[in-house]
mmCIF file of all heavy atoms, coordinates in Angstrom:
data_MODEL
# 
_entry.id   MODEL 
# 
loop_
_atom_site.group_PDB 
_atom_site.id 
_atom_site.type_symbol 
_atom_site.label_atom_id 
_atom_site.label_alt_id 
_atom_site.label_comp_id 
_atom_site.label_asym_id 
_atom_site.label_entity_id 
_atom_site.label_seq_id 
_atom_site.pdbx_PDB_ins_code 
_atom_site.Cartn_x 
_atom_site.Cartn_y 
_atom_site.Cartn_z 
_atom_site.occupancy 
_atom_site.B_iso_or_equiv 
_atom_site.pdbx_formal_charge 
_atom_site.auth_seq_id 
_atom_site.auth_comp_id 
_atom_site.auth_asym_id 
_atom_site.auth_atom_id 
_atom_site.pdbx_PDB_model_num 
ATOM 1   N N   . ASP A 1 1  ? 22.818 44.051 22.804 1.00 0.00 ? 1  ASP A N   1 
ATOM 2   C CA  . ASP A 1 1  ? 23.965 44.949 22.759 1.00 0.00 ? 1  ASP A CA  1 
ATOM 3   C C   . ASP A 1 1  ? 23.689 46.193 21.909 1.00 0.00 ? 1  ASP A C   1 
ATOM 4   O O   . ASP A 1 1  ? 24.388 47.191 22.024 1.00 0.00 ? 1  ASP A O   1 
ATOM 5   C CB  . ASP A 1 1  ? 25.232 44.236 22.308 1.00 0.00 ? 1  ASP A CB  1 
ATOM 6   C CG  . ASP A 1 1  ? 25.150 43.652 20.908 1.00 0.00 ? 1  ASP A CG  1 
ATOM 7   O OD1 . ASP A 1 1  ? 24.061 43.620 20.307 1.00 0.00 ? 1  ASP A OD1 1 
ATOM 8   O OD2 . ASP A 1 1  ? 26.200 43.197 20.409 1.00 0.00 ? 1  ASP A OD2 1 
ATOM 9   N N   . SER A 1 2  ? 22.651 46.162 21.098 1.00 0.00 ? 2  SER A N   1 
ATOM 10  C CA  . SER A 1 2  ? 22.277 47.362 20.339 1.00 0.00 ? 2  SER A CA  1 
ATOM 11  C C   . SER A 1 2  ? 21.748 48.461 21.261 1.00 0.00 ? 2  SER A C   1 
ATOM 12  O O   . SER A 1 2  ? 21.688 49.625 20.868 1.00 0.00 ? 2  SER A O   1 
ATOM 13  C CB  . SER A 1 2  ? 21.241 47.028 19.256 1.00 0.00 ? 2  SER A CB  1 
ATOM 14  O OG  . SER A 1 2  ? 20.031 46.591 19.837 1.00 0.00 ? 2  SER A OG  1 
ATOM 15  N N   . ASP A 1 3  ? 21.383 48.117 22.498 1.00 0.00 ? 3  ASP A N   1 
ATOM 16  C CA  . ASP A 1 3  ? 20.914 49.095 23.482 1.00 0.00 ? 3  ASP A CA  1 
ATOM 17  C C   . ASP A 1 3  ? 22.067 49.814 24.192 1.00 0.00 ? 3  ASP A C   1 
ATOM 18  O O   . ASP A 1 3  ? 21.848 50.814 24.866 1.00 0.00 ? 3  ASP A O   1 
ATOM 19  C CB  . ASP A 1 3  ? 20.040 48.422 24.550 1.00 0.00 ? 3  ASP A CB  1 
ATOM 20  C CG  . ASP A 1 3  ? 18.796 47.772 23.978 1.00 0.00 ? 3  ASP A CG  1 
ATOM 21  O OD1 . ASP A 1 3  ? 18.310 48.239 22.922 1.00 0.00 ? 3  ASP A OD1 1 
ATOM 22  O OD2 . ASP A 1 3  ? 18.313 46.785 24.574 1.00 0.00 ? 3  ASP A OD2 1 
ATOM 23  N N   . LEU A 1 4  ? 23.285 49.304 24.032 1.00 0.00 ? 4  LEU A N   1 
ATOM 24  C CA  . LEU A 1 4  ? 24.429 49.842 24.775 1.00 0.00 ? 4  LEU A CA  1 
ATOM 25  C C   . LEU A 1 4  ? 24.687 51.330 24.525 1.00 0.00 ? 4  LEU A C   1 
ATOM 26  O O   . LEU A 1 4  ? 24.970 52.055 25.490 1.00 0.00 ? 4  LEU A O   1 
ATOM 27  C CB  . LEU A 1 4  ? 25.692 49.028 24.511 1.00 0.00 ? 4  LEU A CB  1 
ATOM 28  C CG  . LEU A 1 4  ? 26.925 49.438 25.320 1.00 0.00 ? 4  LEU A CG  1 
ATOM 29  C CD1 . LEU A 1 4  ? 26.649 49.390 26.821 1.00 0.00 ? 4  LEU A CD1 1 
ATOM 30  C CD2 . LEU A 1 4  ? 28.110 48.558 24.963 1.00 0.00 ? 4  LEU A CD2 1 
ATOM 31  N N   . PRO A 1 5  ? 24.600 51.843 23.290 1.00 0.00 ? 5  PRO A N   1 
ATOM 32  C CA  . PRO A 1 5  ? 24.847 53.276 23.126 1.00 0.00 ? 5  PRO A CA  1 
ATOM 33  C C   . PRO A 1 5  ? 23.920 54.155 23.981 1.00 0.00 ? 5  PRO A C   1 
ATOM 34  O O   . PRO A 1 5  ? 24.348 55.195 24.488 1.00 0.00 ? 5  PRO A O   1 
ATOM 35  C CB  . PRO A 1 5  ? 24.610 53.515 21.629 1.00 0.00 ? 5  PRO A CB  1 
ATOM 36  C CG  . PRO A 1 5  ? 24.919 52.190 20.995 1.00 0.00 ? 5  PRO A CG  1 
ATOM 37  C CD  . PRO A 1 5  ? 24.430 51.165 21.995 1.00 0.00 ? 5  PRO A CD  1 
ATOM 38  N N   . ILE A 1 6  ? 22.688 53.744 24.166 1.00 0.00 ? 6  ILE A N   1 
ATOM 39  C CA  . ILE A 1 6  ? 21.757 54.485 25.032 1.00 0.00 ? 6  ILE A CA  1 
ATOM 40  C C   . ILE A 1 6  ? 22.117 54.250 26.498 1.00 0.00 ? 6  ILE A C   1 
ATOM 41  O O   . ILE A 1 6  ? 22.240 55.199 27.281 1.00 0.00 ? 6  ILE A O   1 
ATOM 42  C CB  . ILE A 1 6  ? 20.297 54.060 24.767 1.00 0.00 ? 6  ILE A CB  1 
ATOM 43  C CG1 . ILE A 1 6  ? 19.874 54.392 23.339 1.00 0.00 ? 6  ILE A CG1 1 
ATOM 44  C CG2 . ILE A 1 6  ? 19.347 54.690 25.797 1.00 0.00 ? 6  ILE A CG2 1 
ATOM 45  C CD1 . ILE A 1 6  ? 19.919 55.858 22.980 1.00 0.00 ? 6  ILE A CD1 1 
ATOM 46  N N   . MET A 1 7  ? 22.315 53.009 26.876 1.00 0.00 ? 7  MET A N   1 
ATOM 47  C CA  . MET A 1 7  ? 22.575 52.666 28.275 1.00 0.00 ? 7  MET A CA  1 
ATOM 48  C C   . MET A 1 7  ? 23.922 53.193 28.763 1.00 0.00 ? 7  MET A C   1 
ATOM 49  O O   . MET A 1 7  ? 24.134 53.333 29.973 1.00 0.00 ? 7  MET A O   1 
ATOM 50  C CB  . MET A 1 7  ? 22.466 51.155 28.470 1.00 0.00 ? 7  MET A CB  1 
ATOM 51  C CG  . MET A 1 7  ? 21.093 50.590 28.108 1.00 0.00 ? 7  MET A CG  1 
ATOM 52  S SD  . MET A 1 7  ? 19.726 51.378 28.985 1.00 0.00 ? 7  MET A SD  1 
ATOM 53  C CE  . MET A 1 7  ? 19.996 50.707 30.617 1.00 0.00 ? 7  MET A CE  1 
ATOM 54  N N   . GLN A 1 8  ? 24.813 53.515 27.839 1.00 0.00 ? 8  GLN A N   1 
ATOM 55  C CA  . GLN A 1 8  ? 26.119 54.059 28.207 1.00 0.00 ? 8  GLN A CA  1 
ATOM 56  C C   . GLN A 1 8  ? 25.979 55.343 29.019 1.00 0.00 ? 8  GLN A C   1 
ATOM 57  O O   . GLN A 1 8  ? 26.818 55.634 29.873 1.00 0.00 ? 8  GLN A O   1 
ATOM 58  C CB  . GLN A 1 8  ? 26.956 54.308 26.945 1.00 0.00 ? 8  GLN A CB  1 
ATOM 59  C CG  . GLN A 1 8  ? 28.384 54.729 27.231 1.00 0.00 ? 8  GLN A CG  1 
ATOM 60  C CD  . GLN A 1 8  ? 29.191 53.635 27.909 1.00 0.00 ? 8  GLN A CD  1 
ATOM 61  O OE1 . GLN A 1 8  ? 29.178 52.478 27.490 1.00 0.00 ? 8  GLN A OE1 1 
ATOM 62  N NE2 . GLN A 1 8  ? 29.899 53.998 28.967 1.00 0.00 ? 8  GLN A NE2 1 
ATOM 63  N N   . GLU A 1 9  ? 24.912 56.086 28.785 1.00 0.00 ? 9  GLU A N   1 
ATOM 64  C CA  . GLU A 1 9  ? 24.707 57.325 29.546 1.00 0.00 ? 9  GLU A CA  1 
ATOM 65  C C   . GLU A 1 9  ? 24.503 57.047 31.034 1.00 0.00 ? 9  GLU A C   1 
ATOM 66  O O   . GLU A 1 9  ? 24.988 57.800 31.883 1.00 0.00 ? 9  GLU A O   1 
ATOM 67  C CB  . GLU A 1 9  ? 23.537 58.111 28.980 1.00 0.00 ? 9  GLU A CB  1 
ATOM 68  C CG  . GLU A 1 9  ? 23.800 58.653 27.588 1.00 0.00 ? 9  GLU A CG  1 
ATOM 69  C CD  . GLU A 1 9  ? 22.673 59.520 27.065 1.00 0.00 ? 9  GLU A CD  1 
ATOM 70  O OE1 . GLU A 1 9  ? 21.724 59.823 27.819 1.00 0.00 ? 9  GLU A OE1 1 
ATOM 71  O OE2 . GLU A 1 9  ? 22.742 59.901 25.888 1.00 0.00 ? 9  GLU A OE2 1 
ATOM 72  N N   . ALA A 1 10 ? 23.822 55.967 31.375 1.00 0.00 ? 10 ALA A N   1 
ATOM 73  C CA  . ALA A 1 10 ? 23.667 55.581 32.785 1.00 0.00 ? 10 ALA A CA  1 
ATOM 74  C C   . ALA A 1 10 ? 25.006 55.116 33.347 1.00 0.00 ? 10 ALA A C   1 
ATOM 75  O O   . ALA A 1 10 ? 25.369 55.463 34.481 1.00 0.00 ? 10 ALA A O   1 
ATOM 76  C CB  . ALA A 1 10 ? 22.620 54.482 32.933 1.00 0.00 ? 10 ALA A CB  1 
ATOM 77  N N   . ILE A 1 11 ? 25.731 54.349 32.556 1.00 0.00 ? 11 ILE A N   1 
ATOM 78  C CA  . ILE A 1 11 ? 27.058 53.878 32.969 1.00 0.00 ? 11 ILE A CA  1 
ATOM 79  C C   . ILE A 1 11 ? 27.949 55.073 33.282 1.00 0.00 ? 11 ILE A C   1 
ATOM 80  O O   . ILE A 1 11 ? 28.608 55.117 34.331 1.00 0.00 ? 11 ILE A O   1 
ATOM 81  C CB  . ILE A 1 11 ? 27.673 52.989 31.870 1.00 0.00 ? 11 ILE A CB  1 
ATOM 82  C CG1 . ILE A 1 11 ? 26.873 51.692 31.720 1.00 0.00 ? 11 ILE A CG1 1 
ATOM 83  C CG2 . ILE A 1 11 ? 29.144 52.706 32.153 1.00 0.00 ? 11 ILE A CG2 1 
ATOM 84  C CD1 . ILE A 1 11 ? 27.198 50.883 30.465 1.00 0.00 ? 11 ILE A CD1 1 
ATOM 85  N N   . ASP A 1 12 ? 27.971 56.058 32.386 1.00 0.00 ? 12 ASP A N   1 
ATOM 86  C CA  . ASP A 1 12 ? 28.836 57.221 32.569 1.00 0.00 ? 12 ASP A CA  1 
ATOM 87  C C   . ASP A 1 12 ? 28.480 58.016 33.822 1.00 0.00 ? 12 ASP A C   1 
ATOM 88  O O   . ASP A 1 12 ? 29.371 58.434 34.571 1.00 0.00 ? 12 ASP A O   1 
ATOM 89  C CB  . ASP A 1 12 ? 28.757 58.132 31.337 1.00 0.00 ? 12 ASP A CB  1 
ATOM 90  C CG  . ASP A 1 12 ? 29.346 57.493 30.090 1.00 0.00 ? 12 ASP A CG  1 
ATOM 91  O OD1 . ASP A 1 12 ? 30.079 56.485 30.192 1.00 0.00 ? 12 ASP A OD1 1 
ATOM 92  O OD2 . ASP A 1 12 ? 29.062 58.009 28.978 1.00 0.00 ? 12 ASP A OD2 1 
ATOM 93  N N   . ILE A 1 13 ? 27.189 58.228 34.059 1.00 0.00 ? 13 ILE A N   1 
ATOM 94  C CA  . ILE A 1 13 ? 26.752 58.969 35.255 1.00 0.00 ? 13 ILE A CA  1 
ATOM 95  C C   . ILE A 1 13 ? 27.210 58.244 36.518 1.00 0.00 ? 13 ILE A C   1 
ATOM 96  O O   . ILE A 1 13 ? 27.781 58.847 37.431 1.00 0.00 ? 13 ILE A O   1 
ATOM 97  C CB  . ILE A 1 13 ? 25.216 59.147 35.271 1.00 0.00 ? 13 ILE A CB  1 
ATOM 98  C CG1 . ILE A 1 13 ? 24.792 60.234 34.279 1.00 0.00 ? 13 ILE A CG1 1 
ATOM 99  C CG2 . ILE A 1 13 ? 24.682 59.451 36.671 1.00 0.00 ? 13 ILE A CG2 1 
ATOM 100 C CD1 . ILE A 1 13 ? 25.123 61.656 34.692 1.00 0.00 ? 13 ILE A CD1 1 
ATOM 101 N N   . LEU A 1 14 ? 26.956 56.944 36.583 1.00 0.00 ? 14 LEU A N   1 
ATOM 102 C CA  . LEU A 1 14 ? 27.280 56.192 37.799 1.00 0.00 ? 14 LEU A CA  1 
ATOM 103 C C   . LEU A 1 14 ? 28.792 56.077 38.006 1.00 0.00 ? 14 LEU A C   1 
ATOM 104 O O   . LEU A 1 14 ? 29.268 56.215 39.132 1.00 0.00 ? 14 LEU A O   1 
ATOM 105 C CB  . LEU A 1 14 ? 26.607 54.819 37.748 1.00 0.00 ? 14 LEU A CB  1 
ATOM 106 C CG  . LEU A 1 14 ? 25.077 54.902 37.815 1.00 0.00 ? 14 LEU A CG  1 
ATOM 107 C CD1 . LEU A 1 14 ? 24.441 53.589 37.403 1.00 0.00 ? 14 LEU A CD1 1 
ATOM 108 C CD2 . LEU A 1 14 ? 24.621 55.317 39.205 1.00 0.00 ? 14 LEU A CD2 1 
ATOM 109 N N   . GLU A 1 15 ? 29.529 55.853 36.937 1.00 0.00 ? 15 GLU A N   1 
ATOM 110 C CA  . GLU A 1 15 ? 30.990 55.811 37.069 1.00 0.00 ? 15 GLU A CA  1 
ATOM 111 C C   . GLU A 1 15 ? 31.525 57.166 37.503 1.00 0.00 ? 15 GLU A C   1 
ATOM 112 O O   . GLU A 1 15 ? 32.460 57.239 38.304 1.00 0.00 ? 15 GLU A O   1 
ATOM 113 C CB  . GLU A 1 15 ? 31.637 55.369 35.760 1.00 0.00 ? 15 GLU A CB  1 
ATOM 114 C CG  . GLU A 1 15 ? 31.474 53.881 35.499 1.00 0.00 ? 15 GLU A CG  1 
ATOM 115 C CD  . GLU A 1 15 ? 32.114 53.425 34.190 1.00 0.00 ? 15 GLU A CD  1 
ATOM 116 O OE1 . GLU A 1 15 ? 32.352 54.269 33.295 1.00 0.00 ? 15 GLU A OE1 1 
ATOM 117 O OE2 . GLU A 1 15 ? 32.361 52.204 34.071 1.00 0.00 ? 15 GLU A OE2 1 
ATOM 118 N N   . GLY A 1 16 ? 30.911 58.250 37.015 1.00 0.00 ? 16 GLY A N   1 
ATOM 119 C CA  . GLY A 1 16 ? 31.324 59.595 37.400 1.00 0.00 ? 16 GLY A CA  1 
ATOM 120 C C   . GLY A 1 16 ? 31.085 59.890 38.875 1.00 0.00 ? 16 GLY A C   1 
ATOM 121 O O   . GLY A 1 16 ? 31.720 60.785 39.437 1.00 0.00 ? 16 GLY A O   1 
ATOM 122 N N   . MET A 1 17 ? 30.177 59.146 39.481 1.00 0.00 ? 17 MET A N   1 
ATOM 123 C CA  . MET A 1 17 ? 29.904 59.306 40.915 1.00 0.00 ? 17 MET A CA  1 
ATOM 124 C C   . MET A 1 17 ? 30.563 58.199 41.741 1.00 0.00 ? 17 MET A C   1 
ATOM 125 O O   . MET A 1 17 ? 30.250 58.028 42.915 1.00 0.00 ? 17 MET A O   1 
ATOM 126 C CB  . MET A 1 17 ? 28.396 59.340 41.154 1.00 0.00 ? 17 MET A CB  1 
ATOM 127 C CG  . MET A 1 17 ? 27.760 60.550 40.545 1.00 0.00 ? 17 MET A CG  1 
ATOM 128 S SD  . MET A 1 17 ? 26.054 60.729 41.063 1.00 0.00 ? 17 MET A SD  1 
ATOM 129 C CE  . MET A 1 17 ? 25.547 62.084 40.024 1.00 0.00 ? 17 MET A CE  1 
ATOM 130 N N   . ASP A 1 18 ? 31.453 57.449 41.098 1.00 0.00 ? 18 ASP A N   1 
ATOM 131 C CA  . ASP A 1 18 ? 32.191 56.359 41.758 1.00 0.00 ? 18 ASP A CA  1 
ATOM 132 C C   . ASP A 1 18 ? 31.273 55.309 42.363 1.00 0.00 ? 18 ASP A C   1 
ATOM 133 O O   . ASP A 1 18 ? 31.559 54.752 43.431 1.00 0.00 ? 18 ASP A O   1 
ATOM 134 C CB  . ASP A 1 18 ? 33.142 56.912 42.829 1.00 0.00 ? 18 ASP A CB  1 
ATOM 135 C CG  . ASP A 1 18 ? 34.207 57.819 42.234 1.00 0.00 ? 18 ASP A CG  1 
ATOM 136 O OD1 . ASP A 1 18 ? 34.748 57.487 41.164 1.00 0.00 ? 18 ASP A OD1 1 
ATOM 137 O OD2 . ASP A 1 18 ? 34.480 58.881 42.832 1.00 0.00 ? 18 ASP A OD2 1 
ATOM 138 N N   . ILE A 1 19 ? 30.161 55.043 41.683 1.00 0.00 ? 19 ILE A N   1 
ATOM 139 C CA  . ILE A 1 19 ? 29.253 53.990 42.119 1.00 0.00 ? 19 ILE A CA  1 
ATOM 140 C C   . ILE A 1 19 ? 29.577 52.738 41.311 1.00 0.00 ? 19 ILE A C   1 
ATOM 141 O O   . ILE A 1 19 ? 29.614 52.777 40.080 1.00 0.00 ? 19 ILE A O   1 
ATOM 142 C CB  . ILE A 1 19 ? 27.779 54.412 41.918 1.00 0.00 ? 19 ILE A CB  1 
ATOM 143 C CG1 . ILE A 1 19 ? 27.462 55.618 42.809 1.00 0.00 ? 19 ILE A CG1 1 
ATOM 144 C CG2 . ILE A 1 19 ? 26.834 53.236 42.207 1.00 0.00 ? 19 ILE A CG2 1 
ATOM 145 C CD1 . ILE A 1 19 ? 26.100 56.239 42.553 1.00 0.00 ? 19 ILE A CD1 1 
ATOM 146 N N   . GLN A 1 20 ? 29.813 51.664 42.014 1.00 0.00 ? 20 GLN A N   1 
ATOM 147 C CA  . GLN A 1 20 ? 30.156 50.406 41.351 1.00 0.00 ? 20 GLN A CA  1 
ATOM 148 C C   . GLN A 1 20 ? 28.974 49.909 40.525 1.00 0.00 ? 20 GLN A C   1 
ATOM 149 O O   . GLN A 1 20 ? 27.817 49.977 40.966 1.00 0.00 ? 20 GLN A O   1 
ATOM 150 C CB  . GLN A 1 20 ? 30.538 49.360 42.405 1.00 0.00 ? 20 GLN A CB  1 
ATOM 151 C CG  . GLN A 1 20 ? 31.074 48.081 41.825 1.00 0.00 ? 20 GLN A CG  1 
ATOM 152 C CD  . GLN A 1 20 ? 31.481 47.091 42.905 1.00 0.00 ? 20 GLN A CD  1 
ATOM 153 O OE1 . GLN A 1 20 ? 31.358 47.338 44.104 1.00 0.00 ? 20 GLN A OE1 1 
ATOM 154 N NE2 . GLN A 1 20 ? 31.977 45.946 42.476 1.00 0.00 ? 20 GLN A NE2 1 
ATOM 155 N N   . ILE A 1 21 ? 29.271 49.406 39.339 1.00 0.00 ? 21 ILE A N   1 
ATOM 156 C CA  . ILE A 1 21 ? 28.220 48.912 38.458 1.00 0.00 ? 21 ILE A CA  1 
ATOM 157 C C   . ILE A 1 21 ? 28.554 47.510 37.968 1.00 0.00 ? 21 ILE A C   1 
ATOM 158 O O   . ILE A 1 21 ? 29.705 47.078 37.988 1.00 0.00 ? 21 ILE A O   1 
ATOM 159 C CB  . ILE A 1 21 ? 27.987 49.842 37.242 1.00 0.00 ? 21 ILE A CB  1 
ATOM 160 C CG1 . ILE A 1 21 ? 29.261 49.969 36.406 1.00 0.00 ? 21 ILE A CG1 1 
ATOM 161 C CG2 . ILE A 1 21 ? 27.459 51.186 37.681 1.00 0.00 ? 21 ILE A CG2 1 
ATOM 162 C CD1 . ILE A 1 21 ? 29.051 50.668 35.078 1.00 0.00 ? 21 ILE A CD1 1 
ATOM 163 N N   . GLU A 1 22 ? 27.507 46.834 37.537 1.00 0.00 ? 22 GLU A N   1 
ATOM 164 C CA  . GLU A 1 22 ? 27.617 45.538 36.875 1.00 0.00 ? 22 GLU A CA  1 
ATOM 165 C C   . GLU A 1 22 ? 26.771 45.676 35.609 1.00 0.00 ? 22 GLU A C   1 
ATOM 166 O O   . GLU A 1 22 ? 25.606 46.052 35.690 1.00 0.00 ? 22 GLU A O   1 
ATOM 167 C CB  . GLU A 1 22 ? 27.058 44.457 37.797 1.00 0.00 ? 22 GLU A CB  1 
ATOM 168 C CG  . GLU A 1 22 ? 26.914 43.099 37.153 1.00 0.00 ? 22 GLU A CG  1 
ATOM 169 C CD  . GLU A 1 22 ? 26.238 42.111 38.090 1.00 0.00 ? 22 GLU A CD  1 
ATOM 170 O OE1 . GLU A 1 22 ? 26.925 41.561 38.966 1.00 0.00 ? 22 GLU A OE1 1 
ATOM 171 O OE2 . GLU A 1 22 ? 25.010 41.913 37.942 1.00 0.00 ? 22 GLU A OE2 1 
ATOM 172 N N   . VAL A 1 23 ? 27.340 45.416 34.450 1.00 0.00 ? 23 VAL A N   1 
ATOM 173 C CA  . VAL A 1 23 ? 26.640 45.578 33.177 1.00 0.00 ? 23 VAL A CA  1 
ATOM 174 C C   . VAL A 1 23 ? 26.537 44.224 32.492 1.00 0.00 ? 23 VAL A C   1 
ATOM 175 O O   . VAL A 1 23 ? 27.513 43.474 32.437 1.00 0.00 ? 23 VAL A O   1 
ATOM 176 C CB  . VAL A 1 23 ? 27.382 46.576 32.255 1.00 0.00 ? 23 VAL A CB  1 
ATOM 177 C CG1 . VAL A 1 23 ? 26.639 46.759 30.942 1.00 0.00 ? 23 VAL A CG1 1 
ATOM 178 C CG2 . VAL A 1 23 ? 27.573 47.921 32.956 1.00 0.00 ? 23 VAL A CG2 1 
ATOM 179 N N   . ASP A 1 24 ? 25.333 43.915 31.976 1.00 0.00 ? 24 ASP A N   1 
ATOM 180 C CA  . ASP A 1 24 ? 25.151 42.626 31.306 1.00 0.00 ? 24 ASP A CA  1 
ATOM 181 C C   . ASP A 1 24 ? 23.995 42.719 30.310 1.00 0.00 ? 24 ASP A C   1 
ATOM 182 O O   . ASP A 1 24 ? 23.188 43.649 30.354 1.00 0.00 ? 24 ASP A O   1 
ATOM 183 C CB  . ASP A 1 24 ? 24.868 41.525 32.328 1.00 0.00 ? 24 ASP A CB  1 
ATOM 184 C CG  . ASP A 1 24 ? 25.197 40.124 31.814 1.00 0.00 ? 24 ASP A CG  1 
ATOM 185 O OD1 . ASP A 1 24 ? 25.577 39.980 30.630 1.00 0.00 ? 24 ASP A OD1 1 
ATOM 186 O OD2 . ASP A 1 24 ? 25.065 39.176 32.606 1.00 0.00 ? 24 ASP A OD2 1 
# 
């Protein structure tokens, strides 16, 4: 979970393009 602040950038890009994601 310490990687989440970095990985959040991928989450934000994909959510901004309305692409469904699964995060774990």
